[in-house]
Structures are given as C-alpha cells and as structure tokens.
Amino acid sequence: MSMDILISKIKAKNNPTVAGLDPVADYIPDYILEKQRKVFGHDVKAVVEAIYEFNTGLIDALCDIVPAVKPQSAYYEALGYQGAKLLARTIEYAQRKGLYVILDVKRNDIGSTAAAYAKGYFGKNGYGVESVTVNPYLGTDGIKPFQQYCEEAEKSIFVLVKTSNPSSGELQDLPLEEGMCVYEKMADMVSQWGRSSIGEYGYSNVGAVAGATYPAQLQALRKRCPHTFFLVPGYGAQGAGAADIAGAFDENGLGAIINSSRGIMCAWKKEQCAPEDFARAARREAIRMRDEILSVLNRG
C-alpha cells in the first residue's frame, strides 16, 4: 500500500512533515541565477537550470530529515515545456534520494480525461510519482481512474476536502439539506472511495487535503474519517502553528503529514544568512518545524 510506504518513511525519520518545492525566481539566491545566466543569457533555460540547482540543493539538505517532498506543478508549468522537463528531473532526483513524492496538481476532469491525467502522473511513461492531489468536484467518475491506481499500483491520492485558503468556505462550508456541510459530505465520499485500500497502519490510499488554518474543522475531520490520511497545508507562511495541526493526528501520532513550502525554501531570507547557506538554512528550519510538531504530539 502506497500510504503505508509514506507512513513507514514518517516513522523511520520520526517526522510527519513534507517539504514543498514551489520555486519562483525570488526564492532563488541571485548568485545561482547569475551563474546560469553567464551560460544561457536571459533565456528561460537559465531560470530552469537555476531552479534545478536550487531544488537539488534543498533535496540534498533535507533528504535525511523529511520523508517526502511536494512539488507544486503550476510553478513548473509556468515555464512551458522546459518547466515540464524540470519537474520530471526534480521528481527523479528526489526519488533517487529515497523521498516520497506528492505531486500537487489538483487536477480532474470527466472520466476519460481523468484517466489520461492519472496515466500521465502515475504511469511508467509519465511522471511516475507516488501520489497526487486531486479535485473531486466532478464526482465519482473523475476519481475512479486515480482510485484504480491506488488499488492496483501502490499509488495514493489526496482529495481536496477542506482547503487552507481564506475563501474556501464560500463553497466548502455551505450547508446541505441532510444537515452537513459540503466539505463534510466530501469527507464521507473520500472515506467511501478509500474503503477497499486500507493498509496495515489503518489508513487508506485515498487521503484528504485538510487545511491547518481551520483547526476546529481539522480536528472534527480526524474523528469523522478515522481511516483517511491527511495532507495538511497552511503551516508556517499561511499562519498556522503546531498547536493548530495537533488535531489532525490520531492517538498514536499518525494520520497526517504537514506541509511547509515557503517557510523552508525561504528560510535563508528569514535568517538573513549568506545566500550560499540557503540549503543549510532550509535544513535548520525543517528540523525546527519537526521538533515543534513533535512537541505537541508528545512524540519527541
């Protein structure tokens, strides 16, 4: 089971966190960009190679601490076809370092197109990642192709349930006639979709995205969905702290993985350290984040 693999990596490193790889030029030290521009000029190739150097530096610094990385596909797609190649190279490098890769794409479509997306992310001729985020609001026929990979190919998905953005409640919190909110109904559907792929740790390969910026709902979802593993955005740069995410975990300190992107990638800016120290700054922040989260779980 793919979620078992992720949980095993979390347990081995005693660290329920995932480092986001959402690169933009402003995050990258100038010396890296300038070095690549000496080779490629102001062509997009210079930015691509600078991001790759930045990404691999982060991965090297973090791979013995964090169990997983989460590239956000949009930042790579913004660079066109060269960005797609950059994403593939980054994924391959992270996997060589033993990291579980959650590709943040939030994709979906009607059945046949959803099947093409699933093949593109999971298939041997595609990106070949371990997990992706998906948008469920086209219904079950848009989830089935991804679900099939979860059941047959040791892959996992994280379905958007209660997202961390400020306007998420405009739709997700709307009440339904049966007395629950939209996100609660979606959580129940996720539980149903994952029922046939529950692994040895008690969690299915169909997980949920549940934001740390709504801690009361996060805690309620943990009780509502005992077999659903959570991917939790919103920690750090979006304002949530360790106390806000404690409710995502079960009594064994499992059940969730907490994401930090800007907080880790831009740690060198926050520290105001030398740009050449960006990777070590990211490592220091990843360790600080791990220790802070473990402290509220009474595991550290």
C-alpha atoms as a PDB file:
ATOM      1  CA  MET A   1       0.000   0.000   0.000  1.00  0.00           C
ATOM      2  CA  SER A   2       1.377   3.386  -1.006  1.00  0.00           C
ATOM      3  CA  MET A   3       0.153   5.185   2.109  1.00  0.00           C
ATOM      4  CA  ASP A   4       1.873   2.503   4.181  1.00  0.00           C
ATOM      5  CA  ILE A   5       5.109   3.395   2.404  1.00  0.00           C
ATOM      6  CA  LEU A   6       4.670   7.063   3.294  1.00  0.00           C
ATOM      7  CA  ILE A   7       3.787   6.254   6.906  1.00  0.00           C
ATOM      8  CA  SER A   8       6.798   3.936   7.177  1.00  0.00           C
ATOM      9  CA  LYS A   9       9.055   6.764   5.999  1.00  0.00           C
ATOM     10  CA  ILE A  10       7.434   9.136   8.507  1.00  0.00           C
ATOM     11  CA  LYS A  11       8.024   6.644  11.316  1.00  0.00           C
ATOM     12  CA  ALA A  12      11.609   5.928  10.243  1.00  0.00           C
ATOM     13  CA  LYS A  13      12.506   9.630  10.347  1.00  0.00           C
ATOM     14  CA  ASN A  14      10.172  10.450  13.247  1.00  0.00           C
ATOM     15  CA  ASN A  15       8.980  13.391  11.189  1.00  0.00           C
ATOM     16  CA  PRO A  16       5.411  13.921   9.888  1.00  0.00           C
ATOM     17  CA  THR A  17       6.329  16.770   7.534  1.00  0.00           C
ATOM     18  CA  VAL A  18       6.652  17.302   3.801  1.00  0.00           C
ATOM     19  CA  ALA A  19       8.770  19.999   2.161  1.00  0.00           C
ATOM     20  CA  GLY A  20       7.103  21.864  -0.668  1.00  0.00           C
ATOM     21  CA  LEU A  21       9.110  22.606  -3.795  1.00  0.00           C
ATOM     22  CA  ASP A  22       7.271  25.608  -5.252  1.00  0.00           C
ATOM     23  CA  PRO A  23      10.107  27.574  -6.852  1.00  0.00           C
ATOM     24  CA  VAL A  24       9.860  31.132  -8.084  1.00  0.00           C
ATOM     25  CA  ALA A  25      12.772  33.322  -9.091  1.00  0.00           C
ATOM     26  CA  ASP A  26      12.504  35.485  -5.965  1.00  0.00           C
ATOM     27  CA  TYR A  27      13.229  32.474  -3.749  1.00  0.00           C
ATOM     28  CA  ILE A  28      16.490  31.637  -5.508  1.00  0.00           C
ATOM     29  CA  PRO A  29      19.739  33.305  -4.407  1.00  0.00           C
ATOM     30  CA  ASP A  30      20.990  35.759  -7.008  1.00  0.00           C
ATOM     31  CA  TYR A  31      24.354  34.053  -7.283  1.00  0.00           C
ATOM     32  CA  ILE A  32      22.692  30.903  -8.675  1.00  0.00           C
ATOM     33  CA  LEU A  33      20.723  32.848 -11.287  1.00  0.00           C
ATOM     34  CA  GLU A  34      23.748  34.902 -12.268  1.00  0.00           C
ATOM     35  CA  LYS A  35      25.870  31.770 -12.698  1.00  0.00           C
ATOM     36  CA  GLN A  36      23.301  30.221 -15.038  1.00  0.00           C
ATOM     37  CA  ARG A  37      22.837  33.478 -16.969  1.00  0.00           C
ATOM     38  CA  LYS A  38      26.523  33.505 -17.765  1.00  0.00           C
ATOM     39  CA  VAL A  39      25.899  30.253 -19.613  1.00  0.00           C
ATOM     40  CA  PHE A  40      22.392  30.740 -21.049  1.00  0.00           C
ATOM     41  CA  GLY A  41      21.946  34.522 -21.052  1.00  0.00           C
ATOM     42  CA  HIS A  42      18.412  35.672 -20.299  1.00  0.00           C
ATOM     43  CA  ASP A  43      16.813  32.640 -21.920  1.00  0.00           C
ATOM     44  CA  VAL A  44      14.301  30.719 -19.817  1.00  0.00           C
ATOM     45  CA  LYS A  45      16.866  27.913 -19.727  1.00  0.00           C
ATOM     46  CA  ALA A  46      18.871  29.962 -17.233  1.00  0.00           C
ATOM     47  CA  VAL A  47      15.894  30.111 -14.861  1.00  0.00           C
ATOM     48  CA  VAL A  48      15.209  26.404 -15.359  1.00  0.00           C
ATOM     49  CA  GLU A  49      18.771  25.407 -14.534  1.00  0.00           C
ATOM     50  CA  ALA A  50      18.880  27.796 -11.571  1.00  0.00           C
ATOM     51  CA  ILE A  51      15.707  26.243 -10.144  1.00  0.00           C
ATOM     52  CA  TYR A  52      17.122  22.758 -10.655  1.00  0.00           C
ATOM     53  CA  GLU A  53      20.299  23.686  -8.782  1.00  0.00           C
ATOM     54  CA  PHE A  54      18.183  25.225  -6.024  1.00  0.00           C
ATOM     55  CA  ASN A  55      15.866  22.205  -5.840  1.00  0.00           C
ATOM     56  CA  THR A  56      18.666  19.659  -5.726  1.00  0.00           C
ATOM     57  CA  GLY A  57      20.467  21.687  -3.073  1.00  0.00           C
ATOM     58  CA  LEU A  58      17.323  21.630  -0.943  1.00  0.00           C
ATOM     59  CA  ILE A  59      16.751  17.923  -1.524  1.00  0.00           C
ATOM     60  CA  ASP A  60      20.344  17.085  -0.580  1.00  0.00           C
ATOM     61  CA  ALA A  61      19.996  19.084   2.636  1.00  0.00           C
ATOM     62  CA  LEU A  62      16.615  17.626   3.591  1.00  0.00           C
ATOM     63  CA  CYS A  63      16.537  14.024   2.385  1.00  0.00           C
ATOM     64  CA  ASP A  64      17.711  12.516   5.673  1.00  0.00           C
ATOM     65  CA  ILE A  65      15.230  14.624   7.679  1.00  0.00           C
ATOM     66  CA  VAL A  66      11.936  14.759   5.783  1.00  0.00           C
ATOM     67  CA  PRO A  67      10.130  11.708   4.396  1.00  0.00           C
ATOM     68  CA  ALA A  68       8.566  13.455   1.410  1.00  0.00           C
ATOM     69  CA  VAL A  69       8.606  16.420  -0.937  1.00  0.00           C
ATOM     70  CA  LYS A  70       5.671  18.098  -2.652  1.00  0.00           C
ATOM     71  CA  PRO A  71       6.404  19.886  -5.928  1.00  0.00           C
ATOM     72  CA  GLN A  72       3.621  22.256  -6.987  1.00  0.00           C
ATOM     73  CA  SER A  73       3.150  21.619 -10.701  1.00  0.00           C
ATOM     74  CA  ALA A  74       1.930  25.138 -11.514  1.00  0.00           C
ATOM     75  CA  TYR A  75       5.321  26.723 -10.895  1.00  0.00           C
ATOM     76  CA  TYR A  76       6.915  24.340 -13.375  1.00  0.00           C
ATOM     77  CA  GLU A  77       4.142  24.570 -15.961  1.00  0.00           C
ATOM     78  CA  ALA A  78       4.586  28.355 -15.954  1.00  0.00           C
ATOM     79  CA  LEU A  79       7.959  27.760 -17.633  1.00  0.00           C
ATOM     80  CA  GLY A  80       6.436  25.871 -20.568  1.00  0.00           C
ATOM     81  CA  TYR A  81       7.802  22.611 -21.916  1.00  0.00           C
ATOM     82  CA  GLN A  82      11.184  23.231 -20.285  1.00  0.00           C
ATOM     83  CA  GLY A  83       9.381  23.517 -16.967  1.00  0.00           C
ATOM     84  CA  ALA A  84       7.786  20.117 -17.544  1.00  0.00           C
ATOM     85  CA  LYS A  85      11.235  18.642 -18.088  1.00  0.00           C
ATOM     86  CA  LEU A  86      12.468  20.424 -14.966  1.00  0.00           C
ATOM     87  CA  LEU A  87       9.631  18.901 -12.947  1.00  0.00           C
ATOM     88  CA  ALA A  88      10.473  15.422 -14.235  1.00  0.00           C
ATOM     89  CA  ARG A  89      14.156  15.896 -13.373  1.00  0.00           C
ATOM     90  CA  THR A  90      13.279  17.162  -9.889  1.00  0.00           C
ATOM     91  CA  ILE A  91      10.964  14.207  -9.242  1.00  0.00           C
ATOM     92  CA  GLU A  92      13.572  11.718 -10.428  1.00  0.00           C
ATOM     93  CA  TYR A  93      16.257  13.294  -8.241  1.00  0.00           C
ATOM     94  CA  ALA A  94      14.019  13.261  -5.154  1.00  0.00           C
ATOM     95  CA  GLN A  95      13.107   9.617  -5.714  1.00  0.00           C
ATOM     96  CA  ARG A  96      16.788   8.678  -6.085  1.00  0.00           C
ATOM     97  CA  LYS A  97      17.291  10.221  -2.657  1.00  0.00           C
ATOM     98  CA  GLY A  98      14.589   7.956  -1.216  1.00  0.00           C
ATOM     99  CA  LEU A  99      11.868  10.589  -0.864  1.00  0.00           C
ATOM    100  CA  TYR A 100       8.152  10.001  -1.348  1.00  0.00           C
ATOM    101  CA  VAL A 101       6.896  12.455  -3.974  1.00  0.00           C
ATOM    102  CA  ILE A 102       3.456  14.050  -3.683  1.00  0.00           C
ATOM    103  CA  LEU A 103       2.819  15.996  -6.889  1.00  0.00           C
ATOM    104  CA  ASP A 104       0.468  18.877  -6.163  1.00  0.00           C
ATOM    105  CA  VAL A 105      -1.657  19.219  -9.301  1.00  0.00           C
ATOM    106  CA  LYS A 106      -5.246  19.414  -8.010  1.00  0.00           C
ATOM    107  CA  ARG A 107      -6.420  18.018 -11.356  1.00  0.00           C
ATOM    108  CA  ASN A 108      -9.524  16.287 -12.539  1.00  0.00           C
ATOM    109  CA  ASP A 109     -11.968  16.077 -15.410  1.00  0.00           C
ATOM    110  CA  ILE A 110     -14.639  13.757 -16.753  1.00  0.00           C
ATOM    111  CA  GLY A 111     -13.838  10.048 -16.749  1.00  0.00           C
ATOM    112  CA  SER A 112     -11.804   9.582 -19.932  1.00  0.00           C
ATOM    113  CA  THR A 113      -9.771  12.750 -19.419  1.00  0.00           C
ATOM    114  CA  ALA A 114      -9.268  11.962 -15.749  1.00  0.00           C
ATOM    115  CA  ALA A 115      -7.891   8.602 -16.867  1.00  0.00           C
ATOM    116  CA  ALA A 116      -5.384  10.405 -19.081  1.00  0.00           C
ATOM    117  CA  TYR A 117      -4.341  12.634 -16.189  1.00  0.00           C
ATOM    118  CA  ALA A 118      -3.916   9.621 -13.909  1.00  0.00           C
ATOM    119  CA  LYS A 119      -1.794   7.839 -16.501  1.00  0.00           C
ATOM    120  CA  GLY A 120       0.299  10.952 -17.032  1.00  0.00           C
ATOM    121  CA  TYR A 121       1.133  11.322 -13.358  1.00  0.00           C
ATOM    122  CA  PHE A 122       1.314   7.668 -12.312  1.00  0.00           C
ATOM    123  CA  GLY A 123       2.138   5.745 -15.499  1.00  0.00           C
ATOM    124  CA  LYS A 124       5.579   4.472 -16.480  1.00  0.00           C
ATOM    125  CA  ASN A 125       5.747   6.910 -19.402  1.00  0.00           C
ATOM    126  CA  GLY A 126       4.568   9.813 -17.250  1.00  0.00           C
ATOM    127  CA  TYR A 127       5.992  11.412 -14.135  1.00  0.00           C
ATOM    128  CA  GLY A 128       5.762   8.207 -12.116  1.00  0.00           C
ATOM    129  CA  VAL A 129       5.097   9.876  -8.768  1.00  0.00           C
ATOM    130  CA  GLU A 130       3.876   8.119  -5.676  1.00  0.00           C
ATOM    131  CA  SER A 131       0.948  10.469  -5.026  1.00  0.00           C
ATOM    132  CA  VAL A 132      -1.034  13.391  -6.441  1.00  0.00           C
ATOM    133  CA  THR A 133      -3.619  15.862  -5.188  1.00  0.00           C
ATOM    134  CA  VAL A 134      -6.966  15.764  -6.968  1.00  0.00           C
ATOM    135  CA  ASN A 135     -10.064  17.943  -7.216  1.00  0.00           C
ATOM    136  CA  PRO A 136     -13.174  15.845  -6.513  1.00  0.00           C
ATOM    137  CA  TYR A 137     -15.857  18.288  -7.583  1.00  0.00           C
ATOM    138  CA  LEU A 138     -16.665  16.446 -10.807  1.00  0.00           C
ATOM    139  CA  GLY A 139     -17.844  13.483  -8.752  1.00  0.00           C
ATOM    140  CA  THR A 140     -17.001   9.809  -8.588  1.00  0.00           C
ATOM    141  CA  ASP A 141     -16.338   9.227 -12.297  1.00  0.00           C
ATOM    142  CA  GLY A 142     -13.476  11.722 -12.115  1.00  0.00           C
ATOM    143  CA  ILE A 143     -11.937   9.930  -9.131  1.00  0.00           C
ATOM    144  CA  LYS A 144     -12.202   6.319 -10.326  1.00  0.00           C
ATOM    145  CA  PRO A 145      -9.175   6.395 -12.682  1.00  0.00           C
ATOM    146  CA  PHE A 146      -6.961   7.684  -9.861  1.00  0.00           C
ATOM    147  CA  GLN A 147      -8.562   5.281  -7.400  1.00  0.00           C
ATOM    148  CA  GLN A 148      -7.709   2.366  -9.678  1.00  0.00           C
ATOM    149  CA  TYR A 149      -4.004   3.222  -9.439  1.00  0.00           C
ATOM    150  CA  CYS A 150      -4.387   3.423  -5.653  1.00  0.00           C
ATOM    151  CA  GLU A 151      -5.787  -0.090  -5.531  1.00  0.00           C
ATOM    152  CA  GLU A 152      -3.657  -1.769  -8.204  1.00  0.00           C
ATOM    153  CA  ALA A 153      -0.352   0.099  -8.469  1.00  0.00           C
ATOM    154  CA  GLU A 154       0.533   1.174  -4.909  1.00  0.00           C
ATOM    155  CA  LYS A 155      -0.208   4.846  -5.526  1.00  0.00           C
ATOM    156  CA  SER A 156      -2.067   7.326  -3.338  1.00  0.00           C
ATOM    157  CA  ILE A 157      -4.150  10.451  -3.825  1.00  0.00           C
ATOM    158  CA  PHE A 158      -5.061  13.386  -1.616  1.00  0.00           C
ATOM    159  CA  VAL A 159      -8.559  14.674  -2.343  1.00  0.00           C
ATOM    160  CA  LEU A 160      -9.426  18.321  -1.683  1.00  0.00           C
ATOM    161  CA  VAL A 161     -11.822  18.389   1.276  1.00  0.00           C
ATOM    162  CA  LYS A 162     -11.287  21.496   3.424  1.00  0.00           C
ATOM    163  CA  THR A 163      -8.607  23.686   1.888  1.00  0.00           C
ATOM    164  CA  SER A 164      -6.496  26.268   3.717  1.00  0.00           C
ATOM    165  CA  ASN A 165      -7.250  29.356   1.603  1.00  0.00           C
ATOM    166  CA  PRO A 166      -9.337  32.216   3.088  1.00  0.00           C
ATOM    167  CA  SER A 167     -12.259  31.847   0.674  1.00  0.00           C
ATOM    168  CA  SER A 168     -12.583  28.053   0.972  1.00  0.00           C
ATOM    169  CA  GLY A 169     -15.779  28.419   2.975  1.00  0.00           C
ATOM    170  CA  GLU A 170     -17.628  30.101   0.104  1.00  0.00           C
ATOM    171  CA  LEU A 171     -18.424  26.635  -1.223  1.00  0.00           C
ATOM    172  CA  GLN A 172     -16.973  24.095   1.186  1.00  0.00           C
ATOM    173  CA  ASP A 173     -18.865  25.363   4.254  1.00  0.00           C
ATOM    174  CA  LEU A 174     -22.275  25.620   2.587  1.00  0.00           C
ATOM    175  CA  PRO A 175     -24.936  23.619   4.455  1.00  0.00           C
ATOM    176  CA  LEU A 176     -26.690  20.736   2.716  1.00  0.00           C
ATOM    177  CA  GLU A 177     -30.239  19.536   3.226  1.00  0.00           C
ATOM    178  CA  GLU A 178     -29.113  16.453   5.140  1.00  0.00           C
ATOM    179  CA  GLY A 179     -27.604  18.646   7.865  1.00  0.00           C
ATOM    180  CA  MET A 180     -23.926  18.572   6.957  1.00  0.00           C
ATOM    181  CA  CYS A 181     -21.630  20.969   5.097  1.00  0.00           C
ATOM    182  CA  VAL A 182     -20.233  20.380   1.615  1.00  0.00           C
ATOM    183  CA  TYR A 183     -16.769  19.569   2.957  1.00  0.00           C
ATOM    184  CA  GLU A 184     -18.235  17.048   5.415  1.00  0.00           C
ATOM    185  CA  LYS A 185     -20.089  15.333   2.583  1.00  0.00           C
ATOM    186  CA  MET A 186     -16.876  15.277   0.586  1.00  0.00           C
ATOM    187  CA  ALA A 187     -15.025  13.791   3.544  1.00  0.00           C
ATOM    188  CA  ASP A 188     -17.583  10.974   3.717  1.00  0.00           C
ATOM    189  CA  MET A 189     -17.130  10.319  -0.012  1.00  0.00           C
ATOM    190  CA  VAL A 190     -13.361  10.147   0.446  1.00  0.00           C
ATOM    191  CA  SER A 191     -13.830   7.589   3.213  1.00  0.00           C
ATOM    192  CA  GLN A 192     -16.007   5.525   0.900  1.00  0.00           C
ATOM    193  CA  TRP A 193     -13.550   5.748  -2.003  1.00  0.00           C
ATOM    194  CA  GLY A 194     -10.734   4.524   0.223  1.00  0.00           C
ATOM    195  CA  ARG A 195     -12.577   1.655   1.854  1.00  0.00           C
ATOM    196  CA  SER A 196     -11.005  -1.025  -0.358  1.00  0.00           C
ATOM    197  CA  SER A 197      -7.397   0.106   0.112  1.00  0.00           C
ATOM    198  CA  ILE A 198      -6.818   0.280   3.870  1.00  0.00           C
ATOM    199  CA  GLY A 199      -3.304  -0.745   4.822  1.00  0.00           C
ATOM    200  CA  GLU A 200      -1.529  -2.130   7.865  1.00  0.00           C
ATOM    201  CA  TYR A 201      -1.489   1.217   9.682  1.00  0.00           C
ATOM    202  CA  GLY A 202      -5.251   1.600   9.298  1.00  0.00           C
ATOM    203  CA  TYR A 203      -5.188   4.268   6.592  1.00  0.00           C
ATOM    204  CA  SER A 204      -6.358   4.017   3.006  1.00  0.00           C
ATOM    205  CA  ASN A 205      -4.578   5.104  -0.159  1.00  0.00           C
ATOM    206  CA  VAL A 206      -7.258   7.770  -0.671  1.00  0.00           C
ATOM    207  CA  GLY A 207      -6.254  10.662   1.577  1.00  0.00           C
ATOM    208  CA  ALA A 208      -7.654  14.145   2.090  1.00  0.00           C
ATOM    209  CA  VAL A 209      -6.329  17.686   1.948  1.00  0.00           C
ATOM    210  CA  ALA A 210      -7.405  19.445   5.143  1.00  0.00           C
ATOM    211  CA  GLY A 211      -6.018  22.865   5.978  1.00  0.00           C
ATOM    212  CA  ALA A 212      -4.255  23.802   9.201  1.00  0.00           C
ATOM    213  CA  THR A 213      -5.838  27.247   9.035  1.00  0.00           C
ATOM    214  CA  TYR A 214      -9.143  25.730  10.180  1.00  0.00           C
ATOM    215  CA  PRO A 215      -8.086  23.747  13.272  1.00  0.00           C
ATOM    216  CA  ALA A 216     -11.575  23.050  14.625  1.00  0.00           C
ATOM    217  CA  GLN A 217     -12.712  21.554  11.313  1.00  0.00           C
ATOM    218  CA  LEU A 218      -9.430  19.659  11.053  1.00  0.00           C
ATOM    219  CA  GLN A 219      -9.966  18.048  14.440  1.00  0.00           C
ATOM    220  CA  ALA A 220     -13.573  17.200  13.588  1.00  0.00           C
ATOM    221  CA  LEU A 221     -12.488  15.620  10.305  1.00  0.00           C
ATOM    222  CA  ARG A 222      -9.985  13.406  12.131  1.00  0.00           C
ATOM    223  CA  LYS A 223     -12.849  11.979  14.201  1.00  0.00           C
ATOM    224  CA  ARG A 224     -15.152  11.732  11.193  1.00  0.00           C
ATOM    225  CA  CYS A 225     -12.626   9.952   8.961  1.00  0.00           C
ATOM    226  CA  PRO A 226     -10.576   7.550  11.104  1.00  0.00           C
ATOM    227  CA  HIS A 227      -9.094   5.732   8.086  1.00  0.00           C
ATOM    228  CA  THR A 228      -8.267   8.812   5.977  1.00  0.00           C
ATOM    229  CA  PHE A 229      -4.716  10.133   5.974  1.00  0.00           C
ATOM    230  CA  PHE A 230      -4.443  13.929   5.816  1.00  0.00           C
ATOM    231  CA  LEU A 231      -2.168  16.197   3.826  1.00  0.00           C
ATOM    232  CA  VAL A 232      -2.227  19.436   5.820  1.00  0.00           C
ATOM    233  CA  PRO A 233      -1.242  22.729   4.168  1.00  0.00           C
ATOM    234  CA  GLY A 234      -1.298  26.104   5.877  1.00  0.00           C
ATOM    235  CA  TYR A 235       1.507  25.691   8.411  1.00  0.00           C
ATOM    236  CA  GLY A 236       4.064  28.480   8.613  1.00  0.00           C
ATOM    237  CA  ALA A 237       3.767  31.132   5.910  1.00  0.00           C
ATOM    238  CA  GLN A 238      -0.055  30.846   5.802  1.00  0.00           C
ATOM    239  CA  GLY A 239      -0.277  31.481   9.537  1.00  0.00           C
ATOM    240  CA  ALA A 240      -0.964  28.154  11.265  1.00  0.00           C
ATOM    241  CA  GLY A 241       1.294  26.827  14.002  1.00  0.00           C
ATOM    242  CA  ALA A 242       1.967  23.476  15.609  1.00  0.00           C
ATOM    243  CA  ALA A 243      -0.961  23.739  18.018  1.00  0.00           C
ATOM    244  CA  ASP A 244      -3.327  24.201  15.077  1.00  0.00           C
ATOM    245  CA  ILE A 245      -2.340  20.902  13.469  1.00  0.00           C
ATOM    246  CA  ALA A 246      -2.363  18.690  16.559  1.00  0.00           C
ATOM    247  CA  GLY A 247      -5.964  17.646  15.937  1.00  0.00           C
ATOM    248  CA  ALA A 248      -5.037  16.104  12.571  1.00  0.00           C
ATOM    249  CA  PHE A 249      -3.256  13.202  14.282  1.00  0.00           C
ATOM    250  CA  ASP A 250      -4.547  10.065  15.925  1.00  0.00           C
ATOM    251  CA  GLU A 251      -3.686   8.795  19.406  1.00  0.00           C
ATOM    252  CA  ASN A 252      -0.513   7.179  18.001  1.00  0.00           C
ATOM    253  CA  GLY A 253       0.759  10.422  16.485  1.00  0.00           C
ATOM    254  CA  LEU A 254      -0.031   9.227  12.964  1.00  0.00           C
ATOM    255  CA  GLY A 255      -2.666  10.180  10.417  1.00  0.00           C
ATOM    256  CA  ALA A 256      -1.262  13.330   8.848  1.00  0.00           C
ATOM    257  CA  ILE A 257       1.675  14.917   7.097  1.00  0.00           C
ATOM    258  CA  ILE A 258       2.193  18.678   7.471  1.00  0.00           C
ATOM    259  CA  ASN A 259       3.407  20.759   4.543  1.00  0.00           C
ATOM    260  CA  SER A 260       5.729  23.746   4.592  1.00  0.00           C
ATOM    261  CA  SER A 261       6.857  25.326   1.338  1.00  0.00           C
ATOM    262  CA  ARG A 262       7.924  28.964   1.629  1.00  0.00           C
ATOM    263  CA  GLY A 263       8.937  28.525   5.255  1.00  0.00           C
ATOM    264  CA  ILE A 264      11.609  26.006   4.275  1.00  0.00           C
ATOM    265  CA  MET A 265      12.539  27.294   0.822  1.00  0.00           C
ATOM    266  CA  CYS A 266      12.949  30.886   2.001  1.00  0.00           C
ATOM    267  CA  ALA A 267      14.480  30.146   5.405  1.00  0.00           C
ATOM    268  CA  TRP A 268      17.726  31.746   4.249  1.00  0.00           C
ATOM    269  CA  LYS A 269      15.889  35.039   3.741  1.00  0.00           C
ATOM    270  CA  LYS A 270      14.186  34.874   7.124  1.00  0.00           C
ATOM    271  CA  GLU A 271      17.502  34.132   8.833  1.00  0.00           C
ATOM    272  CA  GLN A 272      19.223  36.822   6.740  1.00  0.00           C
ATOM    273  CA  CYS A 273      22.125  34.459   6.335  1.00  0.00           C
ATOM    274  CA  ALA A 274      24.536  34.310   3.407  1.00  0.00           C
ATOM    275  CA  PRO A 275      22.726  33.231   0.209  1.00  0.00           C
ATOM    276  CA  GLU A 276      25.264  30.430  -0.188  1.00  0.00           C
ATOM    277  CA  ASP A 277      23.875  29.000   3.066  1.00  0.00           C
ATOM    278  CA  PHE A 278      20.333  28.571   1.669  1.00  0.00           C
ATOM    279  CA  ALA A 279      20.328  24.772   1.891  1.00  0.00           C
ATOM    280  CA  ARG A 280      21.637  24.657   5.451  1.00  0.00           C
ATOM    281  CA  ALA A 281      19.076  27.300   6.443  1.00  0.00           C
ATOM    282  CA  ALA A 282      16.340  25.109   4.937  1.00  0.00           C
ATOM    283  CA  ARG A 283      17.662  22.178   6.928  1.00  0.00           C
ATOM    284  CA  ARG A 284      17.627  24.186  10.149  1.00  0.00           C
ATOM    285  CA  GLU A 285      14.033  25.253   9.518  1.00  0.00           C
ATOM    286  CA  ALA A 286      12.965  21.686   8.691  1.00  0.00           C
ATOM    287  CA  ILE A 287      14.487  20.469  11.968  1.00  0.00           C
ATOM    288  CA  ARG A 288      12.842  23.307  13.910  1.00  0.00           C
ATOM    289  CA  MET A 289       9.477  22.504  12.316  1.00  0.00           C
ATOM    290  CA  ARG A 290       9.842  18.793  13.054  1.00  0.00           C
ATOM    291  CA  ASP A 291      10.726  19.400  16.681  1.00  0.00           C
ATOM    292  CA  GLU A 292       7.890  21.880  17.163  1.00  0.00           C
ATOM    293  CA  ILE A 293       5.323  19.467  15.757  1.00  0.00           C
ATOM    294  CA  LEU A 294       6.658  16.512  17.729  1.00  0.00           C
ATOM    295  CA  SER A 295       6.445  18.579  20.895  1.00  0.00           C
ATOM    296  CA  VAL A 296       2.655  18.942  20.551  1.00  0.00           C
ATOM    297  CA  LEU A 297       2.269  15.243  19.725  1.00  0.00           C
ATOM    298  CA  ASN A 298       4.284  14.154  22.760  1.00  0.00           C
ATOM    299  CA  ARG A 299       6.406  12.022  20.493  1.00  0.00           C
ATOM    300  CA  GLY A 300       9.699  13.840  20.737  1.00  0.00           C
END
